[in-house]
Amino acid sequence: MVGDEEGHAAGRGLMWAEVWRYADDFGMGFQHRADAERFLSELRERLAKFGLELHPDKTPLIEFGRDAARGRKQRGEGKPETFTFLGFTHHCGERHKRGTFTVRRITALMTASVGTRD
């Protein structure tokens, strides 16, 4: 998908997105789920033209952000989902004094399977 500086994606209207990138890893945040789904579909099509594909276990669509906790609570779905990027697990949180949204980051716990030795 090709876009311009104002966020217009290939003539399909305005889309808000945020991108985090480091080497060959990246994450994206969208204001609307429909935008995320459309982008993911177009990205898969684009990569397929070069014989590439996204790893399905590493390409989840999750609800995250300032409205996620409120929306999930209204639907009875519990806490917002988390994601791990560059060794940190990101959680939706609130600042204690003001109650405003913040992203909490903690070091990701790496679980290693230990094999038995013969």
PDB file of N, CA and C in Angstrom:
ATOM      1  N   MET A   1       0.843  -1.157   0.000  1.00  0.00           N
ATOM      2  CA  MET A   1       0.000   0.000   0.000  1.00  0.00           C
ATOM      3  C   MET A   1       0.892   1.224   0.000  1.00  0.00           C
ATOM      4  N   VAL A   2       0.574   2.160  -0.838  1.00  0.00           N
ATOM      5  CA  VAL A   2       1.351   3.386  -0.940  1.00  0.00           C
ATOM      6  C   VAL A   2       0.531   4.513  -0.355  1.00  0.00           C
ATOM      7  N   GLY A   3       1.152   5.335   0.466  1.00  0.00           N
ATOM      8  CA  GLY A   3       0.442   6.456   1.066  1.00  0.00           C
ATOM      9  C   GLY A   3       1.231   7.733   0.902  1.00  0.00           C
ATOM     10  N   ASP A   4       0.596   8.850   1.173  1.00  0.00           N
ATOM     11  CA  ASP A   4       1.287  10.134   1.125  1.00  0.00           C
ATOM     12  C   ASP A   4       1.472  10.666   2.542  1.00  0.00           C
ATOM     13  N   GLU A   5       1.989  11.881   2.666  1.00  0.00           N
ATOM     14  CA  GLU A   5       2.298  12.443   3.975  1.00  0.00           C
ATOM     15  C   GLU A   5       1.068  12.626   4.844  1.00  0.00           C
ATOM     16  N   GLU A   6      -0.105  12.821   4.264  1.00  0.00           N
ATOM     17  CA  GLU A   6      -1.311  13.041   5.059  1.00  0.00           C
ATOM     18  C   GLU A   6      -1.993  11.751   5.469  1.00  0.00           C
ATOM     19  N   GLY A   7      -1.469  10.590   5.090  1.00  0.00           N
ATOM     20  CA  GLY A   7      -2.054   9.332   5.506  1.00  0.00           C
ATOM     21  C   GLY A   7      -3.079   8.782   4.538  1.00  0.00           C
ATOM     22  N   HIS A   8      -3.182   9.350   3.340  1.00  0.00           N
ATOM     23  CA  HIS A   8      -4.116   8.811   2.365  1.00  0.00           C
ATOM     24  C   HIS A   8      -3.489   7.578   1.738  1.00  0.00           C
ATOM     25  N   ALA A   9      -4.151   6.469   1.871  1.00  0.00           N
ATOM     26  CA  ALA A   9      -3.605   5.201   1.399  1.00  0.00           C
ATOM     27  C   ALA A   9      -4.236   4.827   0.075  1.00  0.00           C
ATOM     28  N   ALA A  10      -3.493   4.986  -0.973  1.00  0.00           N
ATOM     29  CA  ALA A  10      -3.903   4.569  -2.317  1.00  0.00           C
ATOM     30  C   ALA A  10      -5.332   5.000  -2.647  1.00  0.00           C
ATOM     31  N   GLY A  11      -5.678   6.243  -2.300  1.00  0.00           N
ATOM     32  CA  GLY A  11      -6.984   6.780  -2.654  1.00  0.00           C
ATOM     33  C   GLY A  11      -8.138   6.226  -1.850  1.00  0.00           C
ATOM     34  N   ARG A  12      -7.867   5.611  -0.706  1.00  0.00           N
ATOM     35  CA  ARG A  12      -8.935   4.982   0.073  1.00  0.00           C
ATOM     36  C   ARG A  12      -9.350   5.813   1.286  1.00  0.00           C
ATOM     37  N   GLY A  13      -8.954   7.063   1.358  1.00  0.00           N
ATOM     38  CA  GLY A  13      -9.364   7.918   2.466  1.00  0.00           C
ATOM     39  C   GLY A  13      -8.307   8.007   3.553  1.00  0.00           C
ATOM     40  N   LEU A  14      -8.586   8.833   4.521  1.00  0.00           N
ATOM     41  CA  LEU A  14      -7.651   9.098   5.600  1.00  0.00           C
ATOM     42  C   LEU A  14      -7.607   7.935   6.581  1.00  0.00           C
ATOM     43  N   MET A  15      -6.400   7.530   6.945  1.00  0.00           N
ATOM     44  CA  MET A  15      -6.192   6.428   7.881  1.00  0.00           C
ATOM     45  C   MET A  15      -5.121   6.868   8.874  1.00  0.00           C
ATOM     46  N   TRP A  16      -5.422   6.798  10.172  1.00  0.00           N
ATOM     47  CA  TRP A  16      -4.432   7.115  11.181  1.00  0.00           C
ATOM     48  C   TRP A  16      -3.672   5.844  11.517  1.00  0.00           C
ATOM     49  N   ALA A  17      -2.352   5.942  11.530  1.00  0.00           N
ATOM     50  CA  ALA A  17      -1.537   4.778  11.890  1.00  0.00           C
ATOM     51  C   ALA A  17      -0.254   5.247  12.555  1.00  0.00           C
ATOM     52  N   GLU A  18       0.246   4.412  13.445  1.00  0.00           N
ATOM     53  CA  GLU A  18       1.521   4.652  14.101  1.00  0.00           C
ATOM     54  C   GLU A  18       2.396   3.447  13.824  1.00  0.00           C
ATOM     55  N   VAL A  19       3.683   3.683  13.552  1.00  0.00           N
ATOM     56  CA  VAL A  19       4.583   2.586  13.194  1.00  0.00           C
ATOM     57  C   VAL A  19       5.780   2.591  14.134  1.00  0.00           C
ATOM     58  N   TRP A  20       6.147   1.397  14.636  1.00  0.00           N
ATOM     59  CA  TRP A  20       7.373   1.200  15.399  1.00  0.00           C
ATOM     60  C   TRP A  20       8.210   0.228  14.597  1.00  0.00           C
ATOM     61  N   ARG A  21       9.457   0.577  14.378  1.00  0.00           N
ATOM     62  CA  ARG A  21      10.302  -0.290  13.564  1.00  0.00           C
ATOM     63  C   ARG A  21      11.685  -0.398  14.190  1.00  0.00           C
ATOM     64  N   TYR A  22      12.240  -1.602  14.127  1.00  0.00           N
ATOM     65  CA  TYR A  22      13.613  -1.839  14.525  1.00  0.00           C
ATOM     66  C   TYR A  22      14.117  -2.999  13.685  1.00  0.00           C
ATOM     67  N   ALA A  23      15.133  -2.744  12.870  1.00  0.00           N
ATOM     68  CA  ALA A  23      15.700  -3.747  11.962  1.00  0.00           C
ATOM     69  C   ALA A  23      14.590  -4.377  11.124  1.00  0.00           C
ATOM     70  N   ASP A  24      14.373  -5.682  11.250  1.00  0.00           N
ATOM     71  CA  ASP A  24      13.344  -6.327  10.429  1.00  0.00           C
ATOM     72  C   ASP A  24      12.045  -6.565  11.205  1.00  0.00           C
ATOM     73  N   ASP A  25      11.913  -5.964  12.388  1.00  0.00           N
ATOM     74  CA  ASP A  25      10.687  -6.075  13.182  1.00  0.00           C
ATOM     75  C   ASP A  25       9.919  -4.764  13.118  1.00  0.00           C
ATOM     76  N   PHE A  26       8.609  -4.862  13.105  1.00  0.00           N
ATOM     77  CA  PHE A  26       7.815  -3.647  13.189  1.00  0.00           C
ATOM     78  C   PHE A  26       6.461  -3.947  13.794  1.00  0.00           C
ATOM     79  N   GLY A  27       5.865  -2.915  14.347  1.00  0.00           N
ATOM     80  CA  GLY A  27       4.519  -2.995  14.886  1.00  0.00           C
ATOM     81  C   GLY A  27       3.770  -1.778  14.414  1.00  0.00           C
ATOM     82  N   MET A  28       2.464  -1.899  14.339  1.00  0.00           N
ATOM     83  CA  MET A  28       1.647  -0.776  13.887  1.00  0.00           C
ATOM     84  C   MET A  28       0.421  -0.636  14.765  1.00  0.00           C
ATOM     85  N   GLY A  29       0.006   0.586  14.961  1.00  0.00           N
ATOM     86  CA  GLY A  29      -1.214   0.864  15.709  1.00  0.00           C
ATOM     87  C   GLY A  29      -2.164   1.661  14.842  1.00  0.00           C
ATOM     88  N   PHE A  30      -3.416   1.273  14.849  1.00  0.00           N
ATOM     89  CA  PHE A  30      -4.449   1.950  14.063  1.00  0.00           C
ATOM     90  C   PHE A  30      -5.563   2.399  14.991  1.00  0.00           C
ATOM     91  N   GLN A  31      -6.206   3.486  14.638  1.00  0.00           N
ATOM     92  CA  GLN A  31      -7.314   3.968  15.442  1.00  0.00           C
ATOM     93  C   GLN A  31      -8.538   3.070  15.283  1.00  0.00           C
ATOM     94  N   HIS A  32      -8.760   2.558  14.090  1.00  0.00           N
ATOM     95  CA  HIS A  32      -9.943   1.740  13.820  1.00  0.00           C
ATOM     96  C   HIS A  32      -9.535   0.342  13.366  1.00  0.00           C
ATOM     97  N   ARG A  33     -10.218  -0.672  13.888  1.00  0.00           N
ATOM     98  CA  ARG A  33      -9.916  -2.060  13.542  1.00  0.00           C
ATOM     99  C   ARG A  33     -10.052  -2.298  12.036  1.00  0.00           C
ATOM    100  N   ALA A  34     -11.050  -1.690  11.413  1.00  0.00           N
ATOM    101  CA  ALA A  34     -11.250  -1.878   9.971  1.00  0.00           C
ATOM    102  C   ALA A  34     -10.020  -1.415   9.183  1.00  0.00           C
ATOM    103  N   ASP A  35      -9.377  -0.337   9.628  1.00  0.00           N
ATOM    104  CA  ASP A  35      -8.156   0.133   8.966  1.00  0.00           C
ATOM    105  C   ASP A  35      -7.040  -0.886   9.129  1.00  0.00           C
ATOM    106  N   ALA A  36      -6.913  -1.459  10.328  1.00  0.00           N
ATOM    107  CA  ALA A  36      -5.876  -2.461  10.576  1.00  0.00           C
ATOM    108  C   ALA A  36      -6.104  -3.701   9.719  1.00  0.00           C
ATOM    109  N   GLU A  37      -7.345  -4.139   9.643  1.00  0.00           N
ATOM    110  CA  GLU A  37      -7.657  -5.326   8.833  1.00  0.00           C
ATOM    111  C   GLU A  37      -7.380  -5.075   7.361  1.00  0.00           C
ATOM    112  N   ARG A  38      -7.752  -3.892   6.869  1.00  0.00           N
ATOM    113  CA  ARG A  38      -7.509  -3.548   5.464  1.00  0.00           C
ATOM    114  C   ARG A  38      -6.008  -3.483   5.180  1.00  0.00           C
ATOM    115  N   PHE A  39      -5.256  -2.828   6.081  1.00  0.00           N
ATOM    116  CA  PHE A  39      -3.813  -2.731   5.891  1.00  0.00           C
ATOM    117  C   PHE A  39      -3.168  -4.115   5.886  1.00  0.00           C
ATOM    118  N   LEU A  40      -3.558  -4.979   6.834  1.00  0.00           N
ATOM    119  CA  LEU A  40      -2.985  -6.317   6.921  1.00  0.00           C
ATOM    120  C   LEU A  40      -3.265  -7.112   5.649  1.00  0.00           C
ATOM    121  N   SER A  41      -4.460  -7.000   5.128  1.00  0.00           N
ATOM    122  CA  SER A  41      -4.816  -7.698   3.894  1.00  0.00           C
ATOM    123  C   SER A  41      -3.962  -7.201   2.725  1.00  0.00           C
ATOM    124  N   GLU A  42      -3.817  -5.890   2.616  1.00  0.00           N
ATOM    125  CA  GLU A  42      -3.021  -5.329   1.524  1.00  0.00           C
ATOM    126  C   GLU A  42      -1.535  -5.627   1.683  1.00  0.00           C
ATOM    127  N   LEU A  43      -1.056  -5.666   2.928  1.00  0.00           N
ATOM    128  CA  LEU A  43       0.349  -6.008   3.164  1.00  0.00           C
ATOM    129  C   LEU A  43       0.619  -7.447   2.755  1.00  0.00           C
ATOM    130  N   ARG A  44      -0.287  -8.356   3.099  1.00  0.00           N
ATOM    131  CA  ARG A  44      -0.115  -9.761   2.690  1.00  0.00           C
ATOM    132  C   ARG A  44      -0.079  -9.881   1.169  1.00  0.00           C
ATOM    133  N   GLU A  45      -0.976  -9.172   0.485  1.00  0.00           N
ATOM    134  CA  GLU A  45      -0.981  -9.198  -0.986  1.00  0.00           C
ATOM    135  C   GLU A  45       0.325  -8.664  -1.546  1.00  0.00           C
ATOM    136  N   ARG A  46       0.815  -7.573  -0.989  1.00  0.00           N
ATOM    137  CA  ARG A  46       2.056  -6.951  -1.465  1.00  0.00           C
ATOM    138  C   ARG A  46       3.245  -7.889  -1.262  1.00  0.00           C
ATOM    139  N   LEU A  47       3.355  -8.491  -0.079  1.00  0.00           N
ATOM    140  CA  LEU A  47       4.463  -9.400   0.192  1.00  0.00           C
ATOM    141  C   LEU A  47       4.407 -10.637  -0.701  1.00  0.00           C
ATOM    142  N   ALA A  48       3.201 -11.122  -0.986  1.00  0.00           N
ATOM    143  CA  ALA A  48       3.039 -12.309  -1.835  1.00  0.00           C
ATOM    144  C   ALA A  48       3.609 -12.076  -3.230  1.00  0.00           C
ATOM    145  N   LYS A  49       3.573 -10.840  -3.708  1.00  0.00           N
ATOM    146  CA  LYS A  49       4.133 -10.526  -5.034  1.00  0.00           C
ATOM    147  C   LYS A  49       5.637 -10.806  -5.089  1.00  0.00           C
ATOM    148  N   PHE A  50       6.285 -10.820  -3.912  1.00  0.00           N
ATOM    149  CA  PHE A  50       7.722 -11.077  -3.838  1.00  0.00           C
ATOM    150  C   PHE A  50       8.029 -12.443  -3.253  1.00  0.00           C
ATOM    151  N   GLY A  51       6.997 -13.286  -3.127  1.00  0.00           N
ATOM    152  CA  GLY A  51       7.186 -14.625  -2.580  1.00  0.00           C
ATOM    153  C   GLY A  51       7.404 -14.643  -1.079  1.00  0.00           C
ATOM    154  N   LEU A  52       6.950 -13.603  -0.398  1.00  0.00           N
ATOM    155  CA  LEU A  52       7.119 -13.499   1.049  1.00  0.00           C
ATOM    156  C   LEU A  52       5.768 -13.603   1.740  1.00  0.00           C
ATOM    157  N   GLU A  53       5.799 -13.946   3.017  1.00  0.00           N
ATOM    158  CA  GLU A  53       4.558 -13.981   3.780  1.00  0.00           C
ATOM    159  C   GLU A  53       4.845 -13.633   5.238  1.00  0.00           C
ATOM    160  N   LEU A  54       3.821 -13.200   5.937  1.00  0.00           N
ATOM    161  CA  LEU A  54       3.920 -12.895   7.357  1.00  0.00           C
ATOM    162  C   LEU A  54       3.750 -14.181   8.156  1.00  0.00           C
ATOM    163  N   HIS A  55       4.469 -14.288   9.257  1.00  0.00           N
ATOM    164  CA  HIS A  55       4.329 -15.451  10.125  1.00  0.00           C
ATOM    165  C   HIS A  55       3.010 -15.307  10.879  1.00  0.00           C
ATOM    166  N   PRO A  56       2.090 -16.270  10.750  1.00  0.00           N
ATOM    167  CA  PRO A  56       0.768 -16.124  11.361  1.00  0.00           C
ATOM    168  C   PRO A  56       0.788 -15.991  12.884  1.00  0.00           C
ATOM    169  N   ASP A  57       1.743 -16.629  13.564  1.00  0.00           N
ATOM    170  CA  ASP A  57       1.811 -16.536  15.024  1.00  0.00           C
ATOM    171  C   ASP A  57       2.391 -15.200  15.489  1.00  0.00           C
ATOM    172  N   LYS A  58       3.061 -14.489  14.590  1.00  0.00           N
ATOM    173  CA  LYS A  58       3.688 -13.223  14.949  1.00  0.00           C
ATOM    174  C   LYS A  58       2.938 -12.025  14.372  1.00  0.00           C
ATOM    175  N   THR A  59       1.740 -12.254  13.872  1.00  0.00           N
ATOM    176  CA  THR A  59       0.987 -11.178  13.220  1.00  0.00           C
ATOM    177  C   THR A  59      -0.442 -11.110  13.761  1.00  0.00           C
ATOM    178  N   PRO A  60      -0.593 -10.914  15.081  1.00  0.00           N
ATOM    179  CA  PRO A  60      -1.946 -10.839  15.624  1.00  0.00           C
ATOM    180  C   PRO A  60      -2.536  -9.438  15.486  1.00  0.00           C
ATOM    181  N   LEU A  61      -3.832  -9.356  15.408  1.00  0.00           N
ATOM    182  CA  LEU A  61      -4.542  -8.089  15.532  1.00  0.00           C
ATOM    183  C   LEU A  61      -5.111  -8.074  16.941  1.00  0.00           C
ATOM    184  N   ILE A  62      -4.695  -7.101  17.744  1.00  0.00           N
ATOM    185  CA  ILE A  62      -5.194  -7.023  19.116  1.00  0.00           C
ATOM    186  C   ILE A  62      -5.811  -5.650  19.350  1.00  0.00           C
ATOM    187  N   GLU A  63      -6.683  -5.589  20.351  1.00  0.00           N
ATOM    188  CA  GLU A  63      -7.273  -4.321  20.772  1.00  0.00           C
ATOM    189  C   GLU A  63      -6.388  -3.764  21.872  1.00  0.00           C
ATOM    190  N   PHE A  64      -5.828  -2.581  21.643  1.00  0.00           N
ATOM    191  CA  PHE A  64      -4.864  -2.005  22.576  1.00  0.00           C
ATOM    192  C   PHE A  64      -4.980  -0.496  22.510  1.00  0.00           C
ATOM    193  N   GLY A  65      -4.868   0.153  23.641  1.00  0.00           N
ATOM    194  CA  GLY A  65      -4.878   1.609  23.635  1.00  0.00           C
ATOM    195  C   GLY A  65      -5.847   2.185  24.642  1.00  0.00           C
ATOM    196  N   ARG A  66      -6.013   3.510  24.572  1.00  0.00           N
ATOM    197  CA  ARG A  66      -6.788   4.205  25.604  1.00  0.00           C
ATOM    198  C   ARG A  66      -8.246   3.773  25.644  1.00  0.00           C
ATOM    199  N   ASP A  67      -8.810   3.347  24.551  1.00  0.00           N
ATOM    200  CA  ASP A  67     -10.210   2.923  24.552  1.00  0.00           C
ATOM    201  C   ASP A  67     -10.387   1.418  24.741  1.00  0.00           C
ATOM    202  N   ALA A  68      -9.300   0.667  24.722  1.00  0.00           N
ATOM    203  CA  ALA A  68      -9.392  -0.796  24.795  1.00  0.00           C
ATOM    204  C   ALA A  68      -9.971  -1.270  26.125  1.00  0.00           C
ATOM    205  N   ALA A  69      -9.494  -0.720  27.237  1.00  0.00           N
ATOM    206  CA  ALA A  69      -9.970  -1.173  28.549  1.00  0.00           C
ATOM    207  C   ALA A  69     -11.457  -0.898  28.700  1.00  0.00           C
ATOM    208  N   ARG A  70     -11.879   0.284  28.330  1.00  0.00           N
ATOM    209  CA  ARG A  70     -13.291   0.656  28.446  1.00  0.00           C
ATOM    210  C   ARG A  70     -14.165  -0.225  27.565  1.00  0.00           C
ATOM    211  N   GLY A  71     -13.768  -0.414  26.315  1.00  0.00           N
ATOM    212  CA  GLY A  71     -14.547  -1.220  25.385  1.00  0.00           C
ATOM    213  C   GLY A  71     -14.635  -2.678  25.809  1.00  0.00           C
ATOM    214  N   ARG A  72     -13.519  -3.239  26.247  1.00  0.00           N
ATOM    215  CA  ARG A  72     -13.516  -4.649  26.663  1.00  0.00           C
ATOM    216  C   ARG A  72     -14.329  -4.842  27.939  1.00  0.00           C
ATOM    217  N   LYS A  73     -14.285  -3.861  28.846  1.00  0.00           N
ATOM    218  CA  LYS A  73     -15.067  -3.958  30.080  1.00  0.00           C
ATOM    219  C   LYS A  73     -16.561  -3.930  29.757  1.00  0.00           C
ATOM    220  N   GLN A  74     -16.970  -3.066  28.836  1.00  0.00           N
ATOM    221  CA  GLN A  74     -18.380  -2.988  28.444  1.00  0.00           C
ATOM    222  C   GLN A  74     -18.859  -4.296  27.819  1.00  0.00           C
ATOM    223  N   ARG A  75     -17.975  -4.977  27.116  1.00  0.00           N
ATOM    224  CA  ARG A  75     -18.341  -6.238  26.463  1.00  0.00           C
ATOM    225  C   ARG A  75     -18.105  -7.448  27.369  1.00  0.00           C
ATOM    226  N   GLY A  76     -17.605  -7.222  28.582  1.00  0.00           N
ATOM    227  CA  GLY A  76     -17.348  -8.310  29.517  1.00  0.00           C
ATOM    228  C   GLY A  76     -16.172  -9.181  29.114  1.00  0.00           C
ATOM    229  N   GLU A  77     -15.155  -8.596  28.472  1.00  0.00           N
ATOM    230  CA  GLU A  77     -14.018  -9.364  27.960  1.00  0.00           C
ATOM    231  C   GLU A  77     -12.769  -9.261  28.821  1.00  0.00           C
ATOM    232  N   GLY A  78     -12.816  -8.591  29.941  1.00  0.00           N
ATOM    233  CA  GLY A  78     -11.642  -8.514  30.815  1.00  0.00           C
ATOM    234  C   GLY A  78     -10.618  -7.487  30.362  1.00  0.00           C
ATOM    235  N   LYS A  79      -9.401  -7.661  30.826  1.00  0.00           N
ATOM    236  CA  LYS A  79      -8.320  -6.706  30.558  1.00  0.00           C
ATOM    237  C   LYS A  79      -7.929  -6.699  29.085  1.00  0.00           C
ATOM    238  N   PRO A  80      -7.407  -5.563  28.612  1.00  0.00           N
ATOM    239  CA  PRO A  80      -6.909  -5.499  27.233  1.00  0.00           C
ATOM    240  C   PRO A  80      -5.750  -6.463  27.015  1.00  0.00           C
ATOM    241  N   GLU A  81      -5.591  -6.877  25.781  1.00  0.00           N
ATOM    242  CA  GLU A  81      -4.504  -7.782  25.425  1.00  0.00           C
ATOM    243  C   GLU A  81      -3.167  -7.063  25.543  1.00  0.00           C
ATOM    244  N   THR A  82      -2.104  -7.833  25.583  1.00  0.00           N
ATOM    245  CA  THR A  82      -0.748  -7.295  25.642  1.00  0.00           C
ATOM    246  C   THR A  82       0.009  -7.730  24.399  1.00  0.00           C
ATOM    247  N   PHE A  83       1.154  -7.112  24.165  1.00  0.00           N
ATOM    248  CA  PHE A  83       2.024  -7.577  23.087  1.00  0.00           C
ATOM    249  C   PHE A  83       3.469  -7.401  23.504  1.00  0.00           C
ATOM    250  N   THR A  84       4.328  -8.244  22.964  1.00  0.00           N
ATOM    251  CA  THR A  84       5.755  -8.182  23.247  1.00  0.00           C
ATOM    252  C   THR A  84       6.477  -7.698  22.004  1.00  0.00           C
ATOM    253  N   PHE A  85       7.325  -6.691  22.189  1.00  0.00           N
ATOM    254  CA  PHE A  85       8.096  -6.118  21.095  1.00  0.00           C
ATOM    255  C   PHE A  85       9.453  -5.712  21.641  1.00  0.00           C
ATOM    256  N   LEU A  86      10.514  -6.186  21.009  1.00  0.00           N
ATOM    257  CA  LEU A  86      11.894  -5.870  21.362  1.00  0.00           C
ATOM    258  C   LEU A  86      12.216  -6.165  22.833  1.00  0.00           C
ATOM    259  N   GLY A  87      11.701  -7.285  23.338  1.00  0.00           N
ATOM    260  CA  GLY A  87      12.049  -7.718  24.680  1.00  0.00           C
ATOM    261  C   GLY A  87      11.223  -7.112  25.791  1.00  0.00           C
ATOM    262  N   PHE A  88      10.206  -6.325  25.456  1.00  0.00           N
ATOM    263  CA  PHE A  88       9.333  -5.739  26.463  1.00  0.00           C
ATOM    264  C   PHE A  88       7.890  -6.132  26.187  1.00  0.00           C
ATOM    265  N   THR A  89       7.164  -6.466  27.249  1.00  0.00           N
ATOM    266  CA  THR A  89       5.741  -6.724  27.130  1.00  0.00           C
ATOM    267  C   THR A  89       5.015  -5.425  27.437  1.00  0.00           C
ATOM    268  N   HIS A  90       4.163  -4.996  26.520  1.00  0.00           N
ATOM    269  CA  HIS A  90       3.440  -3.726  26.620  1.00  0.00           C
ATOM    270  C   HIS A  90       2.024  -3.987  27.125  1.00  0.00           C
ATOM    271  N   HIS A  91       1.620  -3.235  28.145  1.00  0.00           N
ATOM    272  CA  HIS A  91       0.305  -3.357  28.769  1.00  0.00           C
ATOM    273  C   HIS A  91      -0.396  -2.008  28.737  1.00  0.00           C
ATOM    274  N   CYS A  92      -1.719  -2.002  28.641  1.00  0.00           N
ATOM    275  CA  CYS A  92      -2.498  -0.783  28.820  1.00  0.00           C
ATOM    276  C   CYS A  92      -2.507  -0.463  30.311  1.00  0.00           C
ATOM    277  N   GLY A  93      -2.318   0.782  30.663  1.00  0.00           N
ATOM    278  CA  GLY A  93      -2.320   1.158  32.068  1.00  0.00           C
ATOM    279  C   GLY A  93      -2.891   2.543  32.271  1.00  0.00           C
ATOM    280  N   GLU A  94      -2.971   2.937  33.534  1.00  0.00           N
ATOM    281  CA  GLU A  94      -3.431   4.276  33.904  1.00  0.00           C
ATOM    282  C   GLU A  94      -2.416   4.900  34.842  1.00  0.00           C
ATOM    283  N   ARG A  95      -2.281   6.205  34.747  1.00  0.00           N
ATOM    284  CA  ARG A  95      -1.456   6.928  35.709  1.00  0.00           C
ATOM    285  C   ARG A  95      -2.242   7.018  37.015  1.00  0.00           C
ATOM    286  N   HIS A  96      -1.579   6.832  38.130  1.00  0.00           N
ATOM    287  CA  HIS A  96      -2.258   6.759  39.422  1.00  0.00           C
ATOM    288  C   HIS A  96      -2.954   8.064  39.804  1.00  0.00           C
ATOM    289  N   LYS A  97      -2.287   9.174  39.655  1.00  0.00           N
ATOM    290  CA  LYS A  97      -2.858  10.437  40.126  1.00  0.00           C
ATOM    291  C   LYS A  97      -3.970  10.962  39.235  1.00  0.00           C
ATOM    292  N   ARG A  98      -3.775  10.894  37.932  1.00  0.00           N
ATOM    293  CA  ARG A  98      -4.747  11.484  37.009  1.00  0.00           C
ATOM    294  C   ARG A  98      -5.673  10.475  36.360  1.00  0.00           C
ATOM    295  N   GLY A  99      -5.316   9.215  36.387  1.00  0.00           N
ATOM    296  CA  GLY A  99      -6.147   8.199  35.766  1.00  0.00           C
ATOM    297  C   GLY A  99      -6.120   8.231  34.250  1.00  0.00           C
ATOM    298  N   THR A 100      -5.132   8.931  33.660  1.00  0.00           N
ATOM    299  CA  THR A 100      -5.026   8.998  32.204  1.00  0.00           C
ATOM    300  C   THR A 100      -4.296   7.771  31.672  1.00  0.00           C
ATOM    301  N   PHE A 101      -4.507   7.487  30.416  1.00  0.00           N
ATOM    302  CA  PHE A 101      -3.922   6.309  29.783  1.00  0.00           C
ATOM    303  C   PHE A 101      -2.411   6.412  29.684  1.00  0.00           C
ATOM    304  N   THR A 102      -1.754   5.290  29.886  1.00  0.00           N
ATOM    305  CA  THR A 102      -0.321   5.178  29.640  1.00  0.00           C
ATOM    306  C   THR A 102      -0.014   3.745  29.215  1.00  0.00           C
ATOM    307  N   VAL A 103       1.069   3.581  28.533  1.00  0.00           N
ATOM    308  CA  VAL A 103       1.532   2.243  28.168  1.00  0.00           C
ATOM    309  C   VAL A 103       2.569   1.831  29.196  1.00  0.00           C
ATOM    310  N   ARG A 104       2.336   0.700  29.831  1.00  0.00           N
ATOM    311  CA  ARG A 104       3.288   0.145  30.795  1.00  0.00           C
ATOM    312  C   ARG A 104       4.132  -0.900  30.066  1.00  0.00           C
ATOM    313  N   ARG A 105       5.416  -0.863  30.329  1.00  0.00           N
ATOM    314  CA  ARG A 105       6.329  -1.822  29.696  1.00  0.00           C
ATOM    315  C   ARG A 105       7.105  -2.545  30.788  1.00  0.00           C
ATOM    316  N   ILE A 106       7.140  -3.866  30.668  1.00  0.00           N
ATOM    317  CA  ILE A 106       7.969  -4.646  31.576  1.00  0.00           C
ATOM    318  C   ILE A 106       8.833  -5.581  30.742  1.00  0.00           C
ATOM    319  N   THR A 107       9.956  -5.964  31.287  1.00  0.00           N
ATOM    320  CA  THR A 107      10.842  -6.879  30.571  1.00  0.00           C
ATOM    321  C   THR A 107      10.105  -8.183  30.324  1.00  0.00           C
ATOM    322  N   ALA A 108      10.152  -8.633  29.091  1.00  0.00           N
ATOM    323  CA  ALA A 108       9.479  -9.893  28.737  1.00  0.00           C
ATOM    324  C   ALA A 108      10.183 -11.058  29.424  1.00  0.00           C
ATOM    325  N   LEU A 109       9.402 -11.938  29.997  1.00  0.00           N
ATOM    326  CA  LEU A 109       9.961 -13.127  30.618  1.00  0.00           C
ATOM    327  C   LEU A 109      10.160 -14.168  29.531  1.00  0.00           C
ATOM    328  N   MET A 110      11.378 -14.556  29.373  1.00  0.00           N
ATOM    329  CA  MET A 110      11.689 -15.540  28.346  1.00  0.00           C
ATOM    330  C   MET A 110      11.677 -16.920  28.996  1.00  0.00           C
ATOM    331  N   THR A 111      10.868 -17.810  28.466  1.00  0.00           N
ATOM    332  CA  THR A 111      10.836 -19.171  28.990  1.00  0.00           C
ATOM    333  C   THR A 111      11.636 -20.056  28.058  1.00  0.00           C
ATOM    334  N   ALA A 112      12.577 -20.733  28.606  1.00  0.00           N
ATOM    335  CA  ALA A 112      13.415 -21.624  27.814  1.00  0.00           C
ATOM    336  C   ALA A 112      13.096 -23.059  28.189  1.00  0.00           C
ATOM    337  N   SER A 113      12.930 -23.870  27.195  1.00  0.00           N
ATOM    338  CA  SER A 113      12.710 -25.285  27.494  1.00  0.00           C
ATOM    339  C   SER A 113      14.065 -25.945  27.663  1.00  0.00           C
ATOM    340  N   VAL A 114      14.185 -26.668  28.732  1.00  0.00           N
ATOM    341  CA  VAL A 114      15.443 -27.328  29.041  1.00  0.00           C
ATOM    342  C   VAL A 114      15.272 -28.810  28.717  1.00  0.00           C
ATOM    343  N   GLY A 115      16.101 -29.298  27.850  1.00  0.00           N
ATOM    344  CA  GLY A 115      16.036 -30.704  27.472  1.00  0.00           C
ATOM    345  C   GLY A 115      16.737 -31.587  28.491  1.00  0.00           C
ATOM    346  N   THR A 116      16.391 -32.822  28.502  1.00  0.00           N
ATOM    347  CA  THR A 116      17.070 -33.756  29.404  1.00  0.00           C
ATOM    348  C   THR A 116      18.321 -34.278  28.728  1.00  0.00           C
ATOM    349  N   ARG A 117      19.308 -34.506  29.514  1.00  0.00           N
ATOM    350  CA  ARG A 117      20.566 -35.012  28.961  1.00  0.00           C
ATOM    351  C   ARG A 117      20.639 -36.509  29.188  1.00  0.00           C
ATOM    352  N   ASP A 118      21.119 -37.207  28.204  1.00  0.00           N
ATOM    353  CA  ASP A 118      21.268 -38.656  28.330  1.00  0.00           C
ATOM    354  C   ASP A 118      22.656 -39.031  28.726  1.00  0.00           C
TER     355      ASP A 118
END
